[in-house]
Amino acid sequence: MIQRSQSLYLLIVFILSILLYTGPLAFIGTADGGYFLQHTGVFDLSGEKIDVSTWPLTAMISISAFLSFFTIFSYMKRQRQMRLTLFQMFFNLGLIAVAYYYVRYVMHNYEGIQFVIQWRAVIPPIMLVLLIMAFRGIRRDELLIKAYDRLR
């Protein structure tokens, strides 16, 4: 049954992961300007891409979006849905770590003074909370089905 609350949580995770494509995750300020970290690369203020490849970040965002969309429609197999949601939680932690790595890399190699988190940078922790709530809902449904099987 697709109208469960955990399906709604997974749909919100899918929409939030698509929102990560829309703009910068962080601004790294330097003495002579600054840089924007986006999923496609690191850009200076004039919009030119500097020599930092962020394809792992793009791949992780894409895989996260695909997994959340696929997990929504695997509602008939709750065990697989729980495993995919758990995997996606750990994958989301990796996404946060990779984004943090790129911010630290640009700050270290381009003499960054400070970094300012853009509003999109709070999306992965929100996604993590929603995935935890979805996992709890799937687990609750699985326990309910097992309790019904015992009563028969």
N, C-alpha and C. Protein backbone atom coordinates (compact mmCIF):
# COMPACT_ATOMS: atom_id res chain seq x y z
N MET A 1 0.84 -1.17 0.00
CA MET A 1 0.00 0.00 0.00
C MET A 1 0.89 1.23 0.00
N ILE A 2 0.75 1.98 -1.05
CA ILE A 2 1.69 3.07 -1.31
C ILE A 2 1.35 4.33 -0.51
N GLN A 3 0.19 4.42 0.08
CA GLN A 3 -0.18 5.63 0.78
C GLN A 3 0.24 5.63 2.25
N ARG A 4 1.26 4.90 2.58
CA ARG A 4 1.77 4.87 3.94
C ARG A 4 2.60 6.13 4.21
N SER A 5 2.78 6.45 5.47
CA SER A 5 3.51 7.66 5.82
C SER A 5 4.97 7.58 5.40
N GLN A 6 5.56 6.38 5.46
CA GLN A 6 6.96 6.25 5.07
C GLN A 6 7.15 6.49 3.58
N SER A 7 6.13 6.21 2.78
CA SER A 7 6.22 6.53 1.35
C SER A 7 6.26 8.04 1.15
N LEU A 8 5.52 8.75 1.98
CA LEU A 8 5.55 10.21 1.92
C LEU A 8 6.92 10.73 2.33
N TYR A 9 7.53 10.15 3.37
CA TYR A 9 8.86 10.56 3.78
C TYR A 9 9.88 10.30 2.68
N LEU A 10 9.77 9.16 2.03
CA LEU A 10 10.70 8.84 0.95
C LEU A 10 10.48 9.74 -0.26
N LEU A 11 9.25 10.14 -0.51
CA LEU A 11 8.98 11.08 -1.60
C LEU A 11 9.59 12.45 -1.29
N ILE A 12 9.49 12.88 -0.05
CA ILE A 12 10.10 14.15 0.34
C ILE A 12 11.62 14.07 0.21
N VAL A 13 12.21 12.93 0.56
CA VAL A 13 13.66 12.74 0.39
C VAL A 13 14.02 12.84 -1.09
N PHE A 14 13.21 12.25 -1.95
CA PHE A 14 13.46 12.33 -3.39
C PHE A 14 13.42 13.78 -3.87
N ILE A 15 12.41 14.53 -3.45
CA ILE A 15 12.28 15.93 -3.86
C ILE A 15 13.45 16.76 -3.33
N LEU A 16 13.84 16.51 -2.08
CA LEU A 16 14.97 17.26 -1.51
C LEU A 16 16.28 16.93 -2.21
N SER A 17 16.46 15.67 -2.62
CA SER A 17 17.69 15.34 -3.32
C SER A 17 17.71 15.97 -4.71
N ILE A 18 16.57 16.16 -5.33
CA ILE A 18 16.51 16.89 -6.60
C ILE A 18 16.82 18.37 -6.37
N LEU A 19 16.41 18.91 -5.23
CA LEU A 19 16.71 20.32 -4.91
C LEU A 19 18.21 20.58 -4.75
N LEU A 20 18.97 19.55 -4.43
CA LEU A 20 20.42 19.73 -4.30
C LEU A 20 21.08 20.09 -5.62
N TYR A 21 20.40 19.82 -6.73
CA TYR A 21 20.94 20.16 -8.04
C TYR A 21 20.78 21.63 -8.40
N THR A 22 19.98 22.39 -7.66
CA THR A 22 19.58 23.72 -8.12
C THR A 22 20.58 24.83 -7.85
N GLY A 23 21.53 24.65 -6.97
CA GLY A 23 22.45 25.76 -6.71
C GLY A 23 23.59 25.37 -5.81
N PRO A 24 24.26 26.38 -5.27
CA PRO A 24 25.46 26.11 -4.46
C PRO A 24 25.13 25.54 -3.08
N LEU A 25 26.06 24.71 -2.60
CA LEU A 25 25.95 24.16 -1.26
C LEU A 25 26.63 25.04 -0.22
N ALA A 26 27.73 25.68 -0.64
CA ALA A 26 28.49 26.50 0.30
C ALA A 26 29.23 27.60 -0.46
N PHE A 27 29.54 28.67 0.25
CA PHE A 27 30.36 29.76 -0.27
C PHE A 27 31.62 29.79 0.58
N ILE A 28 32.76 29.72 -0.07
CA ILE A 28 34.05 29.77 0.62
C ILE A 28 34.66 31.13 0.34
N GLY A 29 34.77 31.93 1.37
CA GLY A 29 35.30 33.28 1.21
C GLY A 29 36.82 33.30 1.31
N THR A 30 37.45 34.07 0.43
CA THR A 30 38.90 34.26 0.44
C THR A 30 39.19 35.75 0.51
N ALA A 31 40.47 36.09 0.59
CA ALA A 31 40.85 37.49 0.68
C ALA A 31 40.54 38.24 -0.62
N ASP A 32 40.61 37.57 -1.76
CA ASP A 32 40.39 38.24 -3.03
C ASP A 32 39.04 37.89 -3.67
N GLY A 33 38.10 37.39 -2.92
CA GLY A 33 36.79 37.04 -3.46
C GLY A 33 36.21 35.83 -2.78
N GLY A 34 35.97 34.80 -3.56
CA GLY A 34 35.42 33.60 -2.97
C GLY A 34 35.06 32.58 -4.03
N TYR A 35 34.58 31.44 -3.56
CA TYR A 35 34.22 30.32 -4.43
C TYR A 35 32.91 29.73 -3.96
N PHE A 36 32.14 29.23 -4.93
CA PHE A 36 30.90 28.54 -4.64
C PHE A 36 31.09 27.05 -4.91
N LEU A 37 30.68 26.23 -3.96
CA LEU A 37 30.70 24.78 -4.16
C LEU A 37 29.32 24.35 -4.64
N GLN A 38 29.29 23.80 -5.85
CA GLN A 38 28.07 23.24 -6.42
C GLN A 38 28.30 21.78 -6.70
N HIS A 39 27.25 21.08 -7.08
CA HIS A 39 27.42 19.65 -7.37
C HIS A 39 28.21 19.45 -8.65
N THR A 40 28.27 20.45 -9.53
CA THR A 40 28.99 20.30 -10.79
C THR A 40 30.43 20.77 -10.71
N GLY A 41 30.82 21.38 -9.62
CA GLY A 41 32.19 21.85 -9.48
C GLY A 41 32.29 23.01 -8.52
N VAL A 42 33.48 23.58 -8.48
CA VAL A 42 33.73 24.75 -7.65
C VAL A 42 33.91 25.93 -8.60
N PHE A 43 33.16 26.99 -8.36
CA PHE A 43 33.16 28.15 -9.24
C PHE A 43 33.59 29.39 -8.47
N ASP A 44 34.32 30.29 -9.16
CA ASP A 44 34.65 31.56 -8.52
C ASP A 44 33.48 32.52 -8.70
N LEU A 45 33.65 33.76 -8.23
CA LEU A 45 32.53 34.70 -8.25
C LEU A 45 32.13 35.10 -9.66
N SER A 46 33.05 35.05 -10.61
CA SER A 46 32.72 35.42 -11.98
C SER A 46 32.00 34.29 -12.72
N GLY A 47 31.92 33.11 -12.13
CA GLY A 47 31.22 31.99 -12.73
C GLY A 47 32.12 31.02 -13.46
N GLU A 48 33.43 31.24 -13.40
CA GLU A 48 34.35 30.32 -14.05
C GLU A 48 34.64 29.13 -13.14
N LYS A 49 34.68 27.96 -13.75
CA LYS A 49 34.94 26.75 -12.99
C LYS A 49 36.44 26.62 -12.74
N ILE A 50 36.80 26.36 -11.48
CA ILE A 50 38.21 26.15 -11.18
C ILE A 50 38.51 24.66 -11.28
N ASP A 51 39.73 24.31 -11.20
CA ASP A 51 40.17 22.95 -11.50
C ASP A 51 39.94 21.99 -10.33
N VAL A 52 38.68 21.83 -9.94
CA VAL A 52 38.30 20.87 -8.91
C VAL A 52 37.12 20.08 -9.45
N SER A 53 37.29 18.79 -9.57
CA SER A 53 36.23 17.93 -10.09
C SER A 53 35.40 17.40 -8.92
N THR A 54 34.11 17.62 -8.98
CA THR A 54 33.23 17.16 -7.91
C THR A 54 32.26 16.09 -8.42
N TRP A 55 32.72 15.26 -9.32
CA TRP A 55 31.84 14.21 -9.85
C TRP A 55 31.39 13.22 -8.78
N PRO A 56 32.18 12.92 -7.72
CA PRO A 56 31.64 12.03 -6.70
C PRO A 56 30.42 12.62 -5.99
N LEU A 57 30.43 13.93 -5.80
CA LEU A 57 29.29 14.58 -5.16
C LEU A 57 28.05 14.48 -6.06
N THR A 58 28.24 14.71 -7.35
CA THR A 58 27.13 14.60 -8.30
C THR A 58 26.60 13.17 -8.35
N ALA A 59 27.51 12.21 -8.38
CA ALA A 59 27.10 10.81 -8.43
C ALA A 59 26.35 10.41 -7.16
N MET A 60 26.81 10.87 -6.02
CA MET A 60 26.14 10.51 -4.76
C MET A 60 24.74 11.13 -4.68
N ILE A 61 24.60 12.35 -5.15
CA ILE A 61 23.27 12.98 -5.16
C ILE A 61 22.34 12.23 -6.10
N SER A 62 22.86 11.84 -7.27
CA SER A 62 22.04 11.11 -8.24
C SER A 62 21.63 9.75 -7.71
N ILE A 63 22.55 9.04 -7.09
CA ILE A 63 22.24 7.72 -6.54
C ILE A 63 21.25 7.84 -5.40
N SER A 64 21.39 8.88 -4.59
CA SER A 64 20.45 9.09 -3.50
C SER A 64 19.04 9.34 -4.02
N ALA A 65 18.93 10.15 -5.08
CA ALA A 65 17.61 10.41 -5.66
C ALA A 65 17.02 9.13 -6.25
N PHE A 66 17.84 8.36 -6.96
CA PHE A 66 17.35 7.12 -7.56
C PHE A 66 16.92 6.12 -6.49
N LEU A 67 17.74 5.98 -5.44
CA LEU A 67 17.40 5.02 -4.39
C LEU A 67 16.11 5.37 -3.67
N SER A 68 15.91 6.64 -3.39
CA SER A 68 14.68 7.03 -2.69
C SER A 68 13.47 6.80 -3.58
N PHE A 69 13.60 7.07 -4.89
CA PHE A 69 12.48 6.83 -5.80
C PHE A 69 12.20 5.34 -5.93
N PHE A 70 13.24 4.54 -6.03
CA PHE A 70 13.08 3.10 -6.15
C PHE A 70 12.50 2.49 -4.87
N THR A 71 12.91 3.02 -3.73
CA THR A 71 12.45 2.50 -2.45
C THR A 71 10.96 2.76 -2.24
N ILE A 72 10.47 3.86 -2.78
CA ILE A 72 9.03 4.15 -2.66
C ILE A 72 8.20 3.01 -3.26
N PHE A 73 8.63 2.52 -4.41
CA PHE A 73 7.84 1.53 -5.14
C PHE A 73 8.19 0.09 -4.81
N SER A 74 9.01 -0.11 -3.79
CA SER A 74 9.25 -1.48 -3.34
C SER A 74 8.48 -1.75 -2.05
N TYR A 75 7.28 -1.19 -1.95
CA TYR A 75 6.47 -1.32 -0.74
C TYR A 75 5.91 -2.72 -0.54
N MET A 76 5.90 -3.52 -1.59
CA MET A 76 5.39 -4.88 -1.44
C MET A 76 6.39 -5.78 -0.71
N LYS A 77 7.65 -5.44 -0.74
CA LYS A 77 8.69 -6.22 -0.07
C LYS A 77 9.31 -5.34 1.01
N ARG A 78 8.74 -5.43 2.19
CA ARG A 78 9.15 -4.54 3.28
C ARG A 78 10.58 -4.77 3.73
N GLN A 79 11.04 -6.03 3.69
CA GLN A 79 12.42 -6.31 4.11
C GLN A 79 13.41 -5.61 3.19
N ARG A 80 13.15 -5.68 1.88
CA ARG A 80 14.03 -4.99 0.93
C ARG A 80 13.93 -3.49 1.11
N GLN A 81 12.74 -3.00 1.37
CA GLN A 81 12.55 -1.57 1.58
C GLN A 81 13.31 -1.10 2.82
N MET A 82 13.29 -1.92 3.88
CA MET A 82 14.05 -1.56 5.09
C MET A 82 15.54 -1.55 4.81
N ARG A 83 16.04 -2.55 4.07
CA ARG A 83 17.47 -2.60 3.76
C ARG A 83 17.89 -1.43 2.88
N LEU A 84 17.07 -1.10 1.90
CA LEU A 84 17.40 0.04 1.04
C LEU A 84 17.39 1.35 1.80
N THR A 85 16.44 1.51 2.71
CA THR A 85 16.38 2.73 3.51
C THR A 85 17.58 2.82 4.44
N LEU A 86 17.96 1.71 5.04
CA LEU A 86 19.14 1.70 5.90
C LEU A 86 20.40 2.01 5.10
N PHE A 87 20.54 1.41 3.92
CA PHE A 87 21.68 1.70 3.05
C PHE A 87 21.69 3.17 2.67
N GLN A 88 20.52 3.70 2.38
CA GLN A 88 20.44 5.11 1.99
C GLN A 88 20.80 6.04 3.14
N MET A 89 20.52 5.64 4.38
CA MET A 89 20.93 6.45 5.53
C MET A 89 22.45 6.54 5.59
N PHE A 90 23.14 5.41 5.46
CA PHE A 90 24.59 5.43 5.48
C PHE A 90 25.16 6.15 4.26
N PHE A 91 24.50 5.99 3.13
CA PHE A 91 24.92 6.69 1.92
C PHE A 91 24.77 8.20 2.09
N ASN A 92 23.72 8.62 2.78
CA ASN A 92 23.50 10.04 3.03
C ASN A 92 24.58 10.59 3.97
N LEU A 93 25.00 9.80 4.94
CA LEU A 93 26.12 10.23 5.78
C LEU A 93 27.39 10.41 4.95
N GLY A 94 27.59 9.52 3.98
CA GLY A 94 28.72 9.66 3.07
C GLY A 94 28.61 10.92 2.22
N LEU A 95 27.39 11.26 1.80
CA LEU A 95 27.16 12.49 1.04
C LEU A 95 27.54 13.72 1.85
N ILE A 96 27.17 13.72 3.11
CA ILE A 96 27.54 14.83 3.99
C ILE A 96 29.06 14.91 4.14
N ALA A 97 29.71 13.76 4.29
CA ALA A 97 31.16 13.73 4.45
C ALA A 97 31.87 14.20 3.19
N VAL A 98 31.39 13.82 2.02
CA VAL A 98 32.02 14.24 0.76
C VAL A 98 31.86 15.75 0.56
N ALA A 99 30.69 16.28 0.86
CA ALA A 99 30.48 17.73 0.74
C ALA A 99 31.40 18.47 1.71
N TYR A 100 31.54 17.96 2.92
CA TYR A 100 32.45 18.58 3.89
C TYR A 100 33.90 18.50 3.41
N TYR A 101 34.28 17.38 2.79
CA TYR A 101 35.63 17.23 2.25
C TYR A 101 35.93 18.29 1.20
N TYR A 102 34.99 18.53 0.30
CA TYR A 102 35.22 19.52 -0.75
C TYR A 102 35.32 20.92 -0.19
N VAL A 103 34.53 21.23 0.81
CA VAL A 103 34.64 22.56 1.44
C VAL A 103 36.01 22.71 2.09
N ARG A 104 36.45 21.70 2.82
CA ARG A 104 37.78 21.75 3.46
C ARG A 104 38.91 21.79 2.43
N TYR A 105 38.74 21.07 1.32
CA TYR A 105 39.75 21.05 0.27
C TYR A 105 39.92 22.42 -0.35
N VAL A 106 38.81 23.08 -0.66
CA VAL A 106 38.89 24.42 -1.26
C VAL A 106 39.43 25.42 -0.26
N MET A 107 39.02 25.30 0.99
CA MET A 107 39.54 26.24 2.01
C MET A 107 41.05 26.08 2.18
N HIS A 108 41.53 24.86 2.14
CA HIS A 108 42.96 24.62 2.35
C HIS A 108 43.79 25.02 1.13
N ASN A 109 43.36 24.66 -0.07
CA ASN A 109 44.16 24.89 -1.26
C ASN A 109 44.02 26.28 -1.86
N TYR A 110 42.98 27.00 -1.55
CA TYR A 110 42.76 28.33 -2.12
C TYR A 110 42.70 29.41 -1.05
N GLU A 111 43.35 29.18 0.06
CA GLU A 111 43.45 30.12 1.18
C GLU A 111 42.10 30.69 1.59
N GLY A 112 41.18 29.81 1.88
CA GLY A 112 39.87 30.24 2.32
C GLY A 112 39.91 30.76 3.75
N ILE A 113 39.22 31.85 3.97
CA ILE A 113 39.17 32.46 5.30
C ILE A 113 37.99 31.90 6.09
N GLN A 114 36.86 31.82 5.44
CA GLN A 114 35.65 31.34 6.10
C GLN A 114 34.77 30.65 5.07
N PHE A 115 33.83 29.88 5.54
CA PHE A 115 32.83 29.36 4.61
C PHE A 115 31.45 29.63 5.17
N VAL A 116 30.57 29.93 4.26
CA VAL A 116 29.19 30.24 4.61
C VAL A 116 28.33 29.14 4.02
N ILE A 117 27.58 28.49 4.88
CA ILE A 117 26.71 27.41 4.44
C ILE A 117 25.48 28.01 3.78
N GLN A 118 25.19 27.58 2.58
CA GLN A 118 23.97 27.99 1.89
C GLN A 118 22.82 27.13 2.40
N TRP A 119 21.59 27.50 2.09
CA TRP A 119 20.45 26.78 2.63
C TRP A 119 20.37 25.36 2.11
N ARG A 120 20.97 25.07 0.97
CA ARG A 120 20.94 23.71 0.43
C ARG A 120 21.82 22.75 1.23
N ALA A 121 22.72 23.27 2.00
CA ALA A 121 23.62 22.41 2.79
C ALA A 121 22.90 21.75 3.96
N VAL A 122 21.75 22.26 4.34
CA VAL A 122 21.00 21.63 5.43
C VAL A 122 20.06 20.54 4.91
N ILE A 123 19.99 20.38 3.59
CA ILE A 123 19.11 19.36 3.03
C ILE A 123 19.57 17.95 3.38
N PRO A 124 20.86 17.58 3.27
CA PRO A 124 21.24 16.20 3.62
C PRO A 124 20.94 15.80 5.07
N PRO A 125 21.15 16.66 6.08
CA PRO A 125 20.72 16.25 7.43
C PRO A 125 19.20 16.09 7.56
N ILE A 126 18.45 16.93 6.85
CA ILE A 126 17.00 16.78 6.87
C ILE A 126 16.61 15.48 6.21
N MET A 127 17.29 15.14 5.11
CA MET A 127 17.04 13.87 4.44
C MET A 127 17.34 12.70 5.37
N LEU A 128 18.40 12.82 6.15
CA LEU A 128 18.75 11.75 7.09
C LEU A 128 17.66 11.54 8.14
N VAL A 129 17.12 12.62 8.66
CA VAL A 129 16.03 12.52 9.65
C VAL A 129 14.80 11.88 9.02
N LEU A 130 14.47 12.29 7.79
CA LEU A 130 13.31 11.72 7.11
C LEU A 130 13.51 10.23 6.81
N LEU A 131 14.74 9.84 6.48
CA LEU A 131 15.02 8.42 6.24
C LEU A 131 14.89 7.60 7.53
N ILE A 132 15.31 8.17 8.64
CA ILE A 132 15.14 7.49 9.93
C ILE A 132 13.66 7.30 10.24
N MET A 133 12.86 8.34 9.99
CA MET A 133 11.42 8.24 10.23
C MET A 133 10.78 7.21 9.30
N ALA A 134 11.23 7.16 8.05
CA ALA A 134 10.70 6.17 7.11
C ALA A 134 11.08 4.76 7.55
N PHE A 135 12.31 4.58 7.99
CA PHE A 135 12.76 3.26 8.45
C PHE A 135 11.92 2.80 9.64
N ARG A 136 11.66 3.71 10.57
CA ARG A 136 10.84 3.34 11.73
C ARG A 136 9.43 2.96 11.31
N GLY A 137 8.87 3.67 10.32
CA GLY A 137 7.54 3.34 9.84
C GLY A 137 7.49 1.99 9.14
N ILE A 138 8.50 1.70 8.34
CA ILE A 138 8.55 0.41 7.65
C ILE A 138 8.70 -0.71 8.67
N ARG A 139 9.54 -0.50 9.66
CA ARG A 139 9.75 -1.51 10.70
C ARG A 139 8.47 -1.75 11.51
N ARG A 140 7.76 -0.67 11.78
CA ARG A 140 6.49 -0.79 12.51
C ARG A 140 5.48 -1.61 11.70
N ASP A 141 5.42 -1.38 10.39
CA ASP A 141 4.53 -2.17 9.54
C ASP A 141 4.94 -3.63 9.51
N GLU A 142 6.23 -3.89 9.45
CA GLU A 142 6.71 -5.27 9.43
C GLU A 142 6.36 -5.99 10.73
N LEU A 143 6.52 -5.32 11.86
CA LEU A 143 6.16 -5.92 13.14
C LEU A 143 4.65 -6.15 13.25
N LEU A 144 3.87 -5.26 12.69
CA LEU A 144 2.42 -5.41 12.69
C LEU A 144 2.00 -6.63 11.87
N ILE A 145 2.62 -6.82 10.72
CA ILE A 145 2.30 -7.98 9.87
C ILE A 145 2.71 -9.27 10.58
N LYS A 146 3.84 -9.27 11.25
CA LYS A 146 4.26 -10.47 11.98
C LYS A 146 3.29 -10.78 13.13
N ALA A 147 2.80 -9.73 13.79
CA ALA A 147 1.83 -9.94 14.88
C ALA A 147 0.52 -10.52 14.33
N TYR A 148 0.08 -10.07 13.17
CA TYR A 148 -1.12 -10.63 12.55
C TYR A 148 -0.92 -12.08 12.16
N ASP A 149 0.27 -12.42 11.70
CA ASP A 149 0.55 -13.80 11.32
C ASP A 149 0.54 -14.73 12.55
N ARG A 150 0.96 -14.23 13.69
CA ARG A 150 0.94 -15.04 14.91
C ARG A 150 -0.48 -15.30 15.38
N LEU A 151 -1.37 -14.35 15.15
CA LEU A 151 -2.76 -14.50 15.61
C LEU A 151 -3.54 -15.52 14.80
N ARG A 152 -3.12 -15.79 13.58
CA ARG A 152 -3.87 -16.73 12.74
C ARG A 152 -3.77 -18.11 13.21
